Amino acid sequence: MQSPTVSPPSLRAPLEVTKYSPTEMRVRWNDGTAYLVPFVELRFQCPCANCVDEHSGVRILRRDQVAADVRPTDVQLVGRYAIRMQWSDGHSTGIYHYDTLFHICAKLGQKLP
């Protein structure tokens, strides 16, 4: 009997996730890249079941529901694979897997030199 194939865990991991400015997060990765990402984009891209329909994958959260001044009030590690952010709007159920966070950074962030 052949054993099931298991996907390897992501090798990409953030080394630093810190507030950079009143509106941006700085995320520095173990591959040497770093990005500035607006808090509003991070909050809007939350992957939790309250923000994205878990059956269809369709985003439930509308952009106009995210306050322009939203900011993280706490960032916590979740194991060795994700971070959880507590937001100023009271939201805290989103777990950003490192691959998801990197995709958000690369797509919506500003790459730093």
Protein backbone atom coordinates (compact mmCIF):
# COMPACT_ATOMS: atom_id res chain seq x y z
CA MET A 1 0.00 0.00 0.00
CA GLN A 2 1.35 3.38 -1.00
CA SER A 3 1.37 6.13 1.63
CA PRO A 4 -0.53 9.36 0.87
CA THR A 5 1.37 12.31 -0.52
CA VAL A 6 1.79 15.09 1.98
CA SER A 7 2.59 18.61 0.84
CA PRO A 8 5.70 20.01 2.50
CA PRO A 9 5.19 22.99 4.78
CA SER A 10 6.00 26.38 3.36
CA LEU A 11 9.67 27.28 3.61
CA ARG A 12 8.84 30.97 3.45
CA ALA A 13 8.32 32.64 6.84
CA PRO A 14 8.19 36.22 8.08
CA LEU A 15 11.11 37.33 10.21
CA GLU A 16 9.44 40.58 11.20
CA VAL A 17 5.85 41.85 11.21
CA THR A 18 5.77 45.36 12.66
CA LYS A 19 3.91 48.62 12.43
CA TYR A 20 5.81 50.85 10.00
CA SER A 21 3.56 53.92 9.91
CA PRO A 22 0.07 54.90 11.11
CA THR A 23 -1.36 53.09 8.05
CA GLU A 24 1.17 50.38 7.06
CA MET A 25 2.69 47.14 8.25
CA ARG A 26 6.27 46.16 7.42
CA VAL A 27 6.73 42.45 6.71
CA ARG A 28 10.28 41.16 6.27
CA TRP A 29 10.68 37.59 4.97
CA ASN A 30 13.36 34.95 5.40
CA ASP A 31 14.08 35.08 1.65
CA GLY A 32 15.36 38.65 2.04
CA THR A 33 12.30 40.45 0.69
CA ALA A 34 10.39 43.09 2.62
CA TYR A 35 7.08 44.81 1.92
CA LEU A 36 4.97 47.66 3.22
CA VAL A 37 1.31 46.67 3.23
CA PRO A 38 -1.60 48.99 4.05
CA PHE A 39 -3.55 47.92 7.13
CA VAL A 40 -6.80 48.38 5.17
CA GLU A 41 -5.66 45.80 2.59
CA LEU A 42 -4.58 43.30 5.24
CA ARG A 43 -7.92 43.62 7.02
CA PHE A 44 -9.92 43.38 3.79
CA GLN A 45 -7.97 40.28 2.70
CA CYS A 46 -8.78 38.42 5.94
CA PRO A 47 -9.21 34.74 5.03
CA CYS A 48 -11.58 33.75 7.88
CA ALA A 49 -15.05 32.25 7.41
CA ASN A 50 -16.66 35.52 8.52
CA CYS A 51 -14.96 37.33 5.64
CA VAL A 52 -14.90 34.59 2.96
CA ASP A 53 -17.63 32.01 2.36
CA GLU A 54 -15.96 28.73 3.30
CA HIS A 55 -17.93 26.74 0.72
CA SER A 56 -17.74 28.97 -2.35
CA GLY A 57 -14.60 30.98 -1.58
CA VAL A 58 -16.51 34.19 -2.38
CA ARG A 59 -15.53 37.19 -0.27
CA ILE A 60 -18.39 38.18 2.06
CA LEU A 61 -16.68 41.23 3.53
CA ARG A 62 -17.18 44.29 1.35
CA ARG A 63 -14.42 46.85 1.00
CA ASP A 64 -16.76 49.62 2.21
CA GLN A 65 -17.17 47.70 5.49
CA VAL A 66 -13.49 48.20 6.35
CA ALA A 67 -12.84 51.51 8.08
CA ALA A 68 -10.11 53.63 6.52
CA ASP A 69 -8.43 53.97 9.93
CA VAL A 70 -8.47 50.25 10.83
CA ARG A 71 -5.24 49.02 12.38
CA PRO A 72 -3.94 45.91 14.09
CA THR A 73 -3.93 46.11 17.88
CA ASP A 74 -2.09 42.81 18.33
CA VAL A 75 -0.23 40.29 16.16
CA GLN A 76 0.34 36.74 17.39
CA LEU A 77 2.14 33.72 15.98
CA VAL A 78 -0.01 30.67 15.29
CA GLY A 79 2.33 27.69 15.45
CA ARG A 80 5.06 27.89 12.82
CA TYR A 81 2.77 28.52 9.88
CA ALA A 82 0.60 31.61 10.39
CA ILE A 83 -0.15 34.82 12.25
CA ARG A 84 -3.39 36.07 13.77
CA MET A 85 -4.18 39.77 13.94
CA GLN A 86 -6.51 41.48 16.36
CA TRP A 87 -8.00 44.53 14.63
CA SER A 88 -9.19 47.86 15.98
CA ASP A 89 -12.69 47.04 14.63
CA GLY A 90 -12.85 44.07 17.03
CA HIS A 91 -12.20 41.40 14.39
CA SER A 92 -9.77 38.66 15.45
CA THR A 93 -10.70 35.37 13.79
CA GLY A 94 -8.48 35.60 10.72
CA ILE A 95 -5.44 33.35 10.58
CA TYR A 96 -3.06 34.42 7.82
CA HIS A 97 -1.05 31.38 6.70
CA TYR A 98 2.45 32.48 5.72
CA ASP A 99 1.79 31.67 2.04
CA THR A 100 -1.40 33.76 2.11
CA LEU A 101 0.39 36.63 3.84
CA PHE A 102 3.23 36.53 1.32
CA HIS A 103 0.73 36.57 -1.57
CA ILE A 104 -0.99 39.63 -0.05
CA CYS A 105 2.37 41.35 0.38
CA ALA A 106 3.51 40.63 -3.17
CA LYS A 107 0.20 41.57 -4.76
CA LEU A 108 -0.90 44.56 -2.69
CA GLY A 109 2.23 45.76 -0.91
CA GLN A 110 5.13 47.96 -1.85
CA LYS A 111 8.38 46.02 -2.14
CA LEU A 112 11.22 47.60 -0.22
CA PRO A 113 14.78 47.69 -1.55
